[in-house]
Amino acid sequence: MRLVPGLISAVFLSCAGAPRALHEAPAGVEKFAAAIDWAKAGDEAVGVLQGYLRIDTINPPGNESLGVEYLKAELAKDGLEAQVHDFAPGRGSLVARLEATAPNGEKPLCLLSHIDVVPAEAATWPADTGPLSGALKDGMVWGRGALDMKGMGTLELQTFRWLSRQHVPLKRDVILLAVADEEVGEGGMRLLTEQLWGELDCGHIINEGGMGVRGLLTPDQTTFAISVGEKGVLWLRVTAEGEAGHGSTPTDNRAPTRLVQALAKLATREAKVRIQPSMYELLRRSGAKNGGVQGFVMQRPALVDLFATKKLMSKPPTRAGITDTCQVTGFEGKGSATNVIPSATTAIMDCRLLPGTSPRALQAELEGLVAGVEGIKFEVVHAFEAGVSETDDAFFDALARQAVAGREDAVAGPVISPGYTDSILARAKGTRAYGFVPFDVTPEELATFHGRDERVSVKNVHRGLEVLFRAVVDVVAVP
């Protein structure tokens, strides 16, 4: 990366922020991990995941209670009990608790996952590795939910079981939460936060969010992104109204024409770059690892703004992390027949908001863009602002430390997640929630998330289990 002479002064005036001191790993907890045969433990986790993937919890309709019964049966093998809470018939969520043996007053650490998965077009998957196959092929476990998020749910289940099997003395409760309906309406987590939070009261949550991606920031480095916050949401129905009529007679006051005009204007929106403190910190950690001129720049926010913004904007994952985004995701009101023009037609928009952007402010911006088009109205479907947890935290440090343990080619740091999860509801209750799935995936594997051929490697399941167990033991075990 070349520094032009006219900016030399900026180089020396832009000092790298001093990294904060990390919370140290407690002494003595290594013995609990060292006592586990990780090869056998990993194989067991793979088998549990295969069985979990074969259970149809596609949402809609969900049928998450089928998944609850599977998880309960696994826990029962270790003599562990679980409670079930239904927000609707067949839509159950699981709660299991390991009580502290030497409580120190800390609130529980909660291992959160969701049971439901998104729909899959089975015809586009290979016949022997379909979305409900749980197949083991080419060193990969295949199925809808392998990445989102039955894979992580399995790691949490197994971590919970190994805490019990190893008789780890706990200074705080550990609660396993597997909830329904995250992908659609958050019905399971809403039930827990609105009706049962007095009993749960999670101090920390580990949930889905970031994971390790090879080449995300630099070509030869895996970046383990730990979500410390999530963008807010503004979901809109943009409706155009006009005169109904015959398809053979085009006029300017027809609803479809107006909608096309409005969407064309919305497409001219230029998203403003706002790099978040978490992104600067992630870049700083990556730069410190890499060294050289590029590493020097990455450790200095002012130089990141000058030299790295274009690169960050060139990749969809990082672009989503530094801008407010809006995309058309579907249409309604296509008309009753090809030759009939409807009186109204609607586009569905999904906007994601960085911390500091309110849903109302972004809606006003969009309405301003289409002000010249008649018959356009905006209806808010869902809206809430972004939520962020602190990074100066022992559990965050434990996750980051264990993610890169033994890896010279990896870095871990905080990000704001482009998508939202059930963590947003817990953060509103004061919980520190971190989104991290300890898998190391390629960009190609990441693309299967909500797509076809979703899969996770056996190697990831093996290593991920050990990473999660060690991180949890770091913050719950009595030293």
Protein backbone atom coordinates (compact mmCIF):
# COMPACT_ATOMS: atom_id res chain seq x y z
CA MET A 1 0.00 0.00 0.00
CA ARG A 2 1.64 3.24 -1.19
CA LEU A 3 1.64 6.42 0.92
CA VAL A 4 1.69 9.59 -1.23
CA PRO A 5 4.10 12.39 -0.17
CA GLY A 6 1.30 14.93 0.39
CA LEU A 7 -0.04 12.79 3.20
CA ILE A 8 3.20 12.14 5.08
CA SER A 9 2.15 14.53 7.82
CA ALA A 10 -1.09 12.60 8.25
CA VAL A 11 0.93 9.43 8.76
CA PHE A 12 2.82 10.85 11.72
CA LEU A 13 -0.16 12.71 13.19
CA SER A 14 -2.33 9.60 13.06
CA CYS A 15 -1.14 7.52 15.99
CA ALA A 16 -2.18 3.96 16.55
CA GLY A 17 -4.52 3.66 19.50
CA ALA A 18 -2.91 1.80 22.38
CA PRO A 19 -4.54 -1.63 22.75
CA ARG A 20 -6.28 -2.17 26.08
CA ALA A 21 -4.98 -4.79 28.47
CA LEU A 22 -6.76 -8.10 27.94
CA HIS A 23 -8.41 -10.03 30.72
CA GLU A 24 -6.09 -12.87 31.63
CA ALA A 25 -7.13 -16.52 31.38
CA PRO A 26 -7.81 -17.88 34.89
CA ALA A 27 -5.18 -20.21 36.27
CA GLY A 28 -6.01 -23.88 36.59
CA VAL A 29 -8.81 -24.22 34.04
CA GLU A 30 -6.58 -25.96 31.50
CA LYS A 31 -6.91 -29.20 33.44
CA PHE A 32 -10.58 -29.58 32.49
CA ALA A 33 -9.85 -29.36 28.76
CA ALA A 34 -6.75 -31.53 29.01
CA ALA A 35 -8.78 -34.39 30.49
CA ILE A 36 -10.99 -34.72 27.38
CA ASP A 37 -10.18 -36.98 24.43
CA TRP A 38 -10.96 -34.37 21.80
CA ALA A 39 -10.87 -36.79 18.86
CA LYS A 40 -13.66 -38.88 20.42
CA ALA A 41 -15.51 -35.80 21.63
CA GLY A 42 -15.41 -34.33 18.14
CA ASP A 43 -16.67 -37.54 16.55
CA GLU A 44 -19.56 -37.61 19.01
CA ALA A 45 -20.43 -34.01 18.13
CA VAL A 46 -20.42 -34.84 14.42
CA GLY A 47 -22.86 -37.69 15.04
CA VAL A 48 -25.15 -35.49 17.13
CA LEU A 49 -25.11 -32.82 14.42
CA GLN A 50 -25.98 -35.36 11.72
CA GLY A 51 -29.03 -36.48 13.67
CA TYR A 52 -30.06 -32.89 14.38
CA LEU A 53 -29.87 -31.93 10.70
CA ARG A 54 -32.20 -34.79 9.77
CA ILE A 55 -35.00 -33.29 11.85
CA ASP A 56 -37.23 -31.06 9.74
CA THR A 57 -37.50 -27.72 11.53
CA ILE A 58 -37.79 -25.60 8.40
CA ASN A 59 -39.58 -22.35 9.24
CA PRO A 60 -42.30 -21.93 8.20
CA PRO A 61 -43.90 -23.88 9.76
CA GLY A 62 -41.05 -24.59 12.22
CA ASN A 63 -42.13 -27.66 14.18
CA GLU A 64 -39.27 -26.84 16.55
CA SER A 65 -40.69 -29.14 19.22
CA LEU A 66 -39.27 -32.02 17.15
CA GLY A 67 -35.83 -30.51 17.63
CA VAL A 68 -36.49 -29.93 21.32
CA GLU A 69 -37.28 -33.61 21.83
CA TYR A 70 -34.06 -34.58 20.07
CA LEU A 71 -31.97 -32.27 22.27
CA LYS A 72 -33.78 -33.43 25.41
CA ALA A 73 -33.03 -37.05 24.53
CA GLU A 74 -29.33 -36.25 24.13
CA LEU A 75 -29.24 -34.46 27.49
CA ALA A 76 -31.08 -37.36 29.13
CA LYS A 77 -28.21 -39.68 28.17
CA ASP A 78 -26.15 -37.72 30.71
CA GLY A 79 -28.92 -37.56 33.27
CA LEU A 80 -29.59 -33.89 32.49
CA GLU A 81 -33.10 -32.47 32.52
CA ALA A 82 -34.61 -29.68 30.46
CA GLN A 83 -37.75 -27.58 30.49
CA VAL A 84 -39.85 -26.89 27.41
CA HIS A 85 -41.69 -23.63 26.78
CA ASP A 86 -44.11 -23.36 23.86
CA PHE A 87 -45.10 -20.04 22.35
CA ALA A 88 -47.48 -21.88 20.00
CA PRO A 89 -48.48 -25.53 19.44
CA GLY A 90 -45.47 -27.48 18.19
CA ARG A 91 -43.24 -24.40 18.62
CA GLY A 92 -41.20 -25.28 21.68
CA SER A 93 -37.97 -23.86 23.14
CA LEU A 94 -35.60 -25.71 25.46
CA VAL A 95 -34.06 -24.48 28.73
CA ALA A 96 -31.54 -26.52 30.73
CA ARG A 97 -29.42 -25.33 33.64
CA LEU A 98 -26.21 -26.33 35.40
CA GLU A 99 -26.23 -24.66 38.79
CA ALA A 100 -23.18 -23.02 40.27
CA THR A 101 -21.41 -25.13 42.90
CA ALA A 102 -19.56 -22.14 44.35
CA PRO A 103 -21.58 -19.10 43.28
CA ASN A 104 -19.80 -15.75 43.28
CA GLY A 105 -22.79 -13.56 42.47
CA GLU A 106 -22.27 -13.38 38.71
CA LYS A 107 -25.34 -13.74 36.53
CA PRO A 108 -25.61 -16.91 34.38
CA LEU A 109 -23.70 -17.52 31.19
CA CYS A 110 -26.25 -18.57 28.55
CA LEU A 111 -25.49 -20.70 25.50
CA LEU A 112 -28.11 -19.62 22.96
CA SER A 113 -29.06 -21.16 19.62
CA HIS A 114 -32.16 -21.40 17.48
CA ILE A 115 -33.75 -24.65 16.37
CA ASP A 116 -35.53 -23.46 13.23
CA VAL A 117 -33.85 -23.22 9.84
CA VAL A 118 -34.72 -21.40 6.63
CA PRO A 119 -36.38 -23.15 3.67
CA ALA A 120 -34.25 -24.96 1.10
CA GLU A 121 -34.84 -25.81 -2.55
CA ALA A 122 -34.13 -29.53 -2.30
CA ALA A 123 -34.09 -29.99 -6.08
CA THR A 124 -30.96 -27.81 -6.36
CA TRP A 125 -28.97 -29.92 -3.87
CA PRO A 126 -27.17 -33.17 -4.77
CA ALA A 127 -29.48 -36.14 -4.14
CA ASP A 128 -27.13 -37.76 -1.62
CA THR A 129 -26.44 -34.56 0.35
CA GLY A 130 -29.87 -32.98 0.49
CA PRO A 131 -30.98 -30.33 2.99
CA LEU A 132 -32.36 -32.90 5.46
CA SER A 133 -29.74 -35.59 4.84
CA GLY A 134 -27.20 -34.92 7.59
CA ALA A 135 -24.87 -36.70 5.19
CA LEU A 136 -21.16 -37.11 5.87
CA LYS A 137 -19.30 -36.76 2.56
CA ASP A 138 -15.95 -35.36 1.46
CA GLY A 139 -15.08 -34.47 5.04
CA MET A 140 -18.19 -32.31 5.35
CA VAL A 141 -21.50 -32.58 7.21
CA TRP A 142 -24.30 -31.52 4.85
CA GLY A 143 -27.71 -30.10 5.60
CA ARG A 144 -29.80 -27.02 6.14
CA GLY A 145 -28.65 -25.56 9.43
CA ALA A 146 -25.06 -26.84 9.33
CA LEU A 147 -23.92 -23.21 9.55
CA ASP A 148 -27.18 -21.53 10.58
CA MET A 149 -27.33 -22.70 13.26
CA LYS A 150 -27.64 -26.34 14.23
CA GLY A 151 -23.87 -26.60 13.96
CA MET A 152 -23.37 -24.06 16.73
CA GLY A 153 -26.35 -25.48 18.63
CA THR A 154 -24.57 -28.83 18.66
CA LEU A 155 -21.34 -27.29 19.96
CA GLU A 156 -23.28 -25.60 22.76
CA LEU A 157 -25.14 -28.79 23.64
CA GLN A 158 -21.90 -30.76 23.77
CA THR A 159 -20.09 -28.05 25.75
CA PHE A 160 -22.95 -28.14 28.27
CA ARG A 161 -22.68 -31.94 28.50
CA TRP A 162 -18.92 -31.87 28.94
CA LEU A 163 -19.17 -29.33 31.76
CA SER A 164 -21.40 -31.86 33.51
CA ARG A 165 -19.30 -34.90 32.60
CA GLN A 166 -16.10 -33.26 33.85
CA HIS A 167 -17.82 -32.08 37.01
CA VAL A 168 -16.43 -28.61 36.40
CA PRO A 169 -16.92 -26.58 39.60
CA LEU A 170 -18.98 -23.57 38.53
CA LYS A 171 -18.86 -20.08 39.99
CA ARG A 172 -21.98 -19.09 38.02
CA ASP A 173 -24.89 -20.94 36.45
CA VAL A 174 -24.64 -22.10 32.86
CA ILE A 175 -27.92 -22.19 30.93
CA LEU A 176 -28.52 -23.92 27.61
CA LEU A 177 -31.16 -22.17 25.49
CA ALA A 178 -32.41 -23.57 22.17
CA VAL A 179 -35.27 -21.45 20.90
CA ALA A 180 -37.95 -21.51 18.22
CA ASP A 181 -38.76 -19.07 15.43
CA GLU A 182 -35.61 -16.97 15.20
CA GLU A 183 -35.75 -16.95 11.41
CA VAL A 184 -39.24 -15.44 11.18
CA GLY A 185 -40.79 -13.85 14.25
CA GLU A 186 -38.52 -14.53 17.25
CA GLY A 187 -41.48 -16.09 19.03
CA GLY A 188 -39.34 -18.37 21.19
CA MET A 189 -36.92 -15.70 22.41
CA ARG A 190 -39.71 -13.20 22.92
CA LEU A 191 -41.42 -15.66 25.25
CA LEU A 192 -38.21 -16.09 27.24
CA THR A 193 -37.41 -12.39 27.50
CA GLU A 194 -40.96 -11.22 28.16
CA GLN A 195 -42.16 -13.95 30.53
CA LEU A 196 -39.18 -15.89 31.92
CA TRP A 197 -36.33 -13.39 32.12
CA GLY A 198 -36.66 -13.01 35.87
CA GLU A 199 -35.66 -16.67 36.12
CA LEU A 200 -33.00 -16.64 33.39
CA ASP A 201 -31.42 -13.17 33.70
CA CYS A 202 -28.42 -14.00 31.52
CA GLY A 203 -25.36 -11.91 32.32
CA HIS A 204 -23.63 -13.05 29.12
CA ILE A 205 -24.87 -14.81 26.01
CA ILE A 206 -22.95 -16.60 23.28
CA ASN A 207 -25.03 -16.88 20.11
CA GLU A 208 -24.62 -16.92 16.36
CA GLY A 209 -23.04 -13.93 14.67
CA GLY A 210 -19.51 -13.85 13.31
CA MET A 211 -17.24 -16.73 12.38
CA GLY A 212 -13.79 -17.20 10.91
CA VAL A 213 -13.48 -16.32 7.23
CA ARG A 214 -10.32 -16.93 5.24
CA GLY A 215 -9.12 -13.90 3.29
CA LEU A 216 -11.70 -11.49 4.71
CA LEU A 217 -9.18 -8.71 5.38
CA THR A 218 -5.89 -10.07 4.03
CA PRO A 219 -5.36 -13.01 1.66
CA ASP A 220 -3.43 -15.38 3.92
CA GLN A 221 -5.19 -14.66 7.18
CA THR A 222 -8.34 -16.03 8.81
CA THR A 223 -10.35 -13.31 10.52
CA PHE A 224 -12.49 -14.52 13.40
CA ALA A 225 -15.14 -11.84 13.66
CA ILE A 226 -16.91 -11.73 17.03
CA SER A 227 -20.18 -9.85 16.84
CA VAL A 228 -20.48 -7.34 19.68
CA GLY A 229 -23.55 -5.72 18.22
CA GLU A 230 -26.08 -5.92 15.46
CA LYS A 231 -27.38 -3.43 12.98
CA GLY A 232 -30.87 -2.13 13.46
CA VAL A 233 -33.74 -2.95 11.14
CA LEU A 234 -36.20 -1.05 9.01
CA TRP A 235 -38.44 -3.35 6.98
CA LEU A 236 -40.77 -1.51 4.65
CA ARG A 237 -43.63 -2.08 2.24
CA VAL A 238 -43.30 0.52 -0.50
CA THR A 239 -46.67 0.69 -2.22
CA ALA A 240 -47.56 2.50 -5.44
CA GLU A 241 -51.21 3.29 -6.09
CA GLY A 242 -52.81 4.30 -9.36
CA GLU A 243 -55.63 3.70 -11.80
CA ALA A 244 -56.47 0.10 -12.61
CA GLY A 245 -56.89 -0.65 -16.27
CA HIS A 246 -56.19 -2.74 -19.34
CA GLY A 247 -52.66 -3.84 -20.05
CA SER A 248 -52.91 -2.70 -23.65
CA THR A 249 -53.22 0.96 -22.67
CA PRO A 250 -50.14 2.37 -20.97
CA THR A 251 -50.49 5.60 -18.97
CA ASP A 252 -48.23 7.32 -16.48
CA ASN A 253 -50.63 7.06 -13.55
CA ARG A 254 -50.56 3.27 -13.34
CA ALA A 255 -49.33 1.72 -10.08
CA PRO A 256 -46.64 -0.56 -11.60
CA THR A 257 -45.15 2.33 -13.57
CA ARG A 258 -45.03 4.49 -10.47
CA LEU A 259 -43.38 1.72 -8.47
CA VAL A 260 -40.69 1.27 -11.11
CA GLN A 261 -40.04 5.01 -11.06
CA ALA A 262 -39.84 5.06 -7.27
CA LEU A 263 -37.44 2.12 -7.15
CA ALA A 264 -35.23 3.75 -9.75
CA LYS A 265 -34.96 6.81 -7.53
CA LEU A 266 -34.26 4.70 -4.44
CA ALA A 267 -31.48 2.96 -6.36
CA THR A 268 -29.67 6.33 -6.68
CA ARG A 269 -29.15 6.47 -2.91
CA GLU A 270 -25.48 6.77 -2.02
CA ALA A 271 -24.73 5.10 1.30
CA LYS A 272 -22.46 7.13 3.56
CA VAL A 273 -19.48 5.30 5.03
CA ARG A 274 -19.35 5.26 8.84
CA ILE A 275 -16.63 2.96 10.09
CA GLN A 276 -17.55 1.74 13.57
CA PRO A 277 -15.16 1.59 16.55
CA SER A 278 -15.42 -2.21 16.42
CA MET A 279 -14.22 -2.23 12.80
CA TYR A 280 -11.26 0.01 13.63
CA GLU A 281 -10.36 -2.39 16.46
CA LEU A 282 -10.62 -5.45 14.21
CA LEU A 283 -8.41 -3.75 11.61
CA ARG A 284 -5.95 -2.71 14.33
CA ARG A 285 -5.60 -6.30 15.51
CA SER A 286 -5.17 -7.56 11.97
CA GLY A 287 -2.60 -4.88 11.21
CA ALA A 288 -0.62 -5.62 14.35
CA LYS A 289 -0.48 -9.26 13.29
CA ASN A 290 0.57 -8.51 9.71
CA GLY A 291 3.10 -5.75 10.26
CA GLY A 292 4.65 -3.85 7.38
CA VAL A 293 3.25 -0.75 5.71
CA GLN A 294 -0.21 -2.25 5.36
CA GLY A 295 -0.24 -3.21 9.03
CA PHE A 296 0.93 0.29 9.95
CA VAL A 297 -2.02 1.81 8.11
CA MET A 298 -4.56 -0.66 9.49
CA GLN A 299 -3.65 0.32 13.04
CA ARG A 300 -4.43 4.01 12.51
CA PRO A 301 -8.06 5.08 12.03
CA ALA A 302 -7.24 8.24 10.12
CA LEU A 303 -5.18 6.26 7.61
CA VAL A 304 -7.85 3.59 7.37
CA ASP A 305 -10.27 6.33 6.35
CA LEU A 306 -7.84 7.59 3.73
CA PHE A 307 -6.52 4.38 2.26
CA ALA A 308 -8.70 1.39 3.21
CA THR A 309 -12.26 2.62 2.72
CA LYS A 310 -12.33 1.70 -0.97
CA LYS A 311 -11.21 -1.86 -0.23
CA LEU A 312 -13.73 -2.23 2.60
CA MET A 313 -16.48 -1.06 0.26
CA SER A 314 -15.41 -3.55 -2.43
CA LYS A 315 -16.42 -6.62 -0.39
CA PRO A 316 -20.09 -7.18 0.51
CA PRO A 317 -19.43 -8.39 4.09
CA THR A 318 -17.28 -5.39 5.03
CA ARG A 319 -19.41 -2.93 3.02
CA ALA A 320 -22.45 -4.05 5.03
CA GLY A 321 -20.49 -3.34 8.20
CA ILE A 322 -19.76 0.31 7.42
CA THR A 323 -22.93 1.57 5.70
CA ASP A 324 -26.68 1.70 6.18
CA THR A 325 -28.05 -0.66 3.53
CA CYS A 326 -31.40 -0.98 1.76
CA GLN A 327 -32.38 -3.70 -0.69
CA VAL A 328 -35.57 -4.72 -2.46
CA THR A 329 -36.25 -8.33 -1.45
CA GLY A 330 -39.62 -9.02 -3.09
CA PHE A 331 -42.86 -7.80 -4.60
CA GLU A 332 -46.58 -8.04 -3.90
CA GLY A 333 -49.65 -7.29 -6.00
CA LYS A 334 -48.61 -8.68 -9.37
CA GLY A 335 -52.16 -8.40 -10.69
CA SER A 336 -54.97 -10.85 -11.37
CA ALA A 337 -54.09 -11.45 -15.02
CA THR A 338 -51.41 -10.55 -17.54
CA ASN A 339 -53.66 -8.01 -19.27
CA VAL A 340 -54.96 -6.37 -16.05
CA ILE A 341 -53.08 -3.50 -14.42
CA PRO A 342 -53.72 -3.49 -10.65
CA SER A 343 -54.62 -0.39 -8.67
CA ALA A 344 -51.75 -1.05 -6.24
CA THR A 345 -48.47 -2.94 -6.22
CA THR A 346 -45.84 -3.21 -3.51
CA ALA A 347 -42.11 -3.73 -3.13
CA ILE A 348 -40.63 -5.19 0.07
CA MET A 349 -37.48 -3.50 1.34
CA ASP A 350 -34.96 -4.68 3.91
CA CYS A 351 -32.86 -1.87 5.40
CA ARG A 352 -30.15 -2.43 8.02
CA LEU A 353 -29.00 0.44 10.21
CA LEU A 354 -25.66 1.17 11.85
CA PRO A 355 -25.54 2.41 15.44
CA GLY A 356 -26.51 6.07 15.38
CA THR A 357 -29.07 5.78 12.58
CA SER A 358 -32.69 5.73 13.67
CA PRO A 359 -35.34 3.93 11.61
CA ARG A 360 -37.31 7.16 11.33
CA ALA A 361 -34.31 9.08 9.97
CA LEU A 362 -33.63 6.51 7.26
CA GLN A 363 -37.30 6.32 6.32
CA ALA A 364 -37.34 10.10 5.93
CA GLU A 365 -34.29 9.87 3.65
CA LEU A 366 -36.01 7.29 1.44
CA GLU A 367 -39.25 9.26 1.33
CA GLY A 368 -37.27 12.31 0.22
CA LEU A 369 -35.78 10.39 -2.69
CA VAL A 370 -39.21 9.48 -4.11
CA ALA A 371 -40.90 12.78 -3.32
CA GLY A 372 -41.45 13.52 -7.02
CA VAL A 373 -43.33 10.28 -7.73
CA GLU A 374 -47.08 10.40 -7.08
CA GLY A 375 -49.04 7.68 -5.28
CA ILE A 376 -46.15 6.27 -3.21
CA LYS A 377 -46.56 5.40 0.45
CA PHE A 378 -44.28 3.68 2.97
CA GLU A 379 -45.51 1.23 5.59
CA VAL A 380 -43.20 0.09 8.40
CA VAL A 381 -43.31 -3.68 8.90
CA HIS A 382 -40.60 -3.95 11.55
CA ALA A 383 -38.19 -1.40 13.04
CA PHE A 384 -35.67 -1.15 15.84
CA GLU A 385 -32.31 0.50 16.42
CA ALA A 386 -28.91 -1.19 16.61
CA GLY A 387 -27.64 -2.67 19.88
CA VAL A 388 -24.01 -3.00 20.97
CA SER A 389 -22.26 -4.77 23.88
CA GLU A 390 -18.97 -3.79 25.54
CA THR A 391 -15.69 -5.29 24.33
CA ASP A 392 -13.87 -4.65 27.62
CA ASP A 393 -15.14 -7.96 28.93
CA ALA A 394 -13.60 -11.19 30.20
CA PHE A 395 -15.86 -13.42 28.10
CA PHE A 396 -15.18 -11.47 24.90
CA ASP A 397 -11.45 -11.81 25.59
CA ALA A 398 -11.82 -15.54 26.27
CA LEU A 399 -13.59 -16.05 22.93
CA ALA A 400 -10.96 -14.04 21.05
CA ARG A 401 -8.09 -15.77 22.83
CA GLN A 402 -9.36 -19.30 22.21
CA ALA A 403 -10.37 -18.58 18.60
CA VAL A 404 -6.75 -17.99 17.59
CA ALA A 405 -5.03 -20.36 20.03
CA GLY A 406 -2.27 -22.18 18.17
CA ARG A 407 -2.92 -20.16 15.00
CA GLU A 408 -0.25 -17.82 13.65
CA ASP A 409 -2.39 -17.16 10.58
CA ALA A 410 -5.46 -15.89 12.42
CA VAL A 411 -6.75 -12.83 14.21
CA ALA A 412 -9.92 -12.29 16.26
CA GLY A 413 -11.72 -9.04 16.94
CA PRO A 414 -15.08 -7.28 17.22
CA VAL A 415 -17.57 -6.42 14.50
CA ILE A 416 -21.11 -5.13 14.16
CA SER A 417 -23.16 -7.90 12.56
CA PRO A 418 -25.08 -6.88 9.41
CA GLY A 419 -27.94 -9.20 10.35
CA TYR A 420 -29.84 -9.35 13.60
CA THR A 421 -30.40 -12.33 15.85
CA ASP A 422 -32.21 -13.16 19.07
CA SER A 423 -29.33 -11.41 20.88
CA ILE A 424 -30.97 -8.06 20.17
CA LEU A 425 -33.77 -8.96 22.59
CA ALA A 426 -31.31 -9.98 25.31
CA ARG A 427 -29.22 -6.83 24.92
CA ALA A 428 -32.37 -4.80 25.57
CA LYS A 429 -32.46 -6.55 28.98
CA GLY A 430 -28.90 -5.49 29.80
CA THR A 431 -27.18 -8.73 28.76
CA ARG A 432 -23.74 -8.68 27.16
CA ALA A 433 -24.26 -10.77 24.06
CA TYR A 434 -21.52 -11.98 21.71
CA GLY A 435 -22.10 -13.62 18.37
CA PHE A 436 -19.42 -16.11 17.46
CA VAL A 437 -19.45 -19.51 15.79
CA PRO A 438 -15.93 -21.00 16.10
CA PHE A 439 -15.77 -22.29 12.52
CA ASP A 440 -13.07 -21.36 10.00
CA VAL A 441 -14.77 -21.25 6.58
CA THR A 442 -13.83 -20.29 3.07
CA PRO A 443 -15.82 -17.62 1.22
CA GLU A 444 -17.33 -20.44 -0.87
CA GLU A 445 -18.53 -22.28 2.23
CA LEU A 446 -19.86 -19.05 3.72
CA ALA A 447 -21.95 -18.54 0.56
CA THR A 448 -23.96 -21.68 1.40
CA PHE A 449 -25.38 -19.86 4.44
CA HIS A 450 -29.13 -19.62 3.56
CA GLY A 451 -28.15 -21.00 0.15
CA ARG A 452 -27.81 -24.41 -1.43
CA ASP A 453 -25.31 -27.10 -0.40
CA GLU A 454 -24.99 -25.76 3.16
CA ARG A 455 -22.29 -27.70 4.97
CA VAL A 456 -19.59 -27.59 7.61
CA SER A 457 -16.36 -29.54 7.77
CA VAL A 458 -15.75 -32.30 10.28
CA LYS A 459 -12.53 -30.48 11.15
CA ASN A 460 -14.52 -27.37 12.07
CA VAL A 461 -16.86 -29.33 14.33
CA HIS A 462 -13.90 -30.94 16.11
CA ARG A 463 -11.93 -27.74 16.63
CA GLY A 464 -15.00 -25.60 17.25
CA LEU A 465 -16.09 -27.76 20.16
CA GLU A 466 -12.72 -27.42 21.87
CA VAL A 467 -12.60 -23.65 21.27
CA LEU A 468 -16.06 -23.12 22.74
CA PHE A 469 -15.49 -25.42 25.72
CA ARG A 470 -12.23 -23.72 26.64
CA ALA A 471 -13.73 -20.23 26.32
CA VAL A 472 -16.69 -21.15 28.50
CA VAL A 473 -14.53 -22.83 31.13
CA ASP A 474 -12.38 -19.67 31.20
CA VAL A 475 -15.28 -17.66 32.64
CA VAL A 476 -17.41 -20.17 34.57
CA ALA A 477 -14.97 -22.51 36.32
CA VAL A 478 -13.79 -22.01 39.85
CA PRO A 479 -9.98 -21.70 39.41
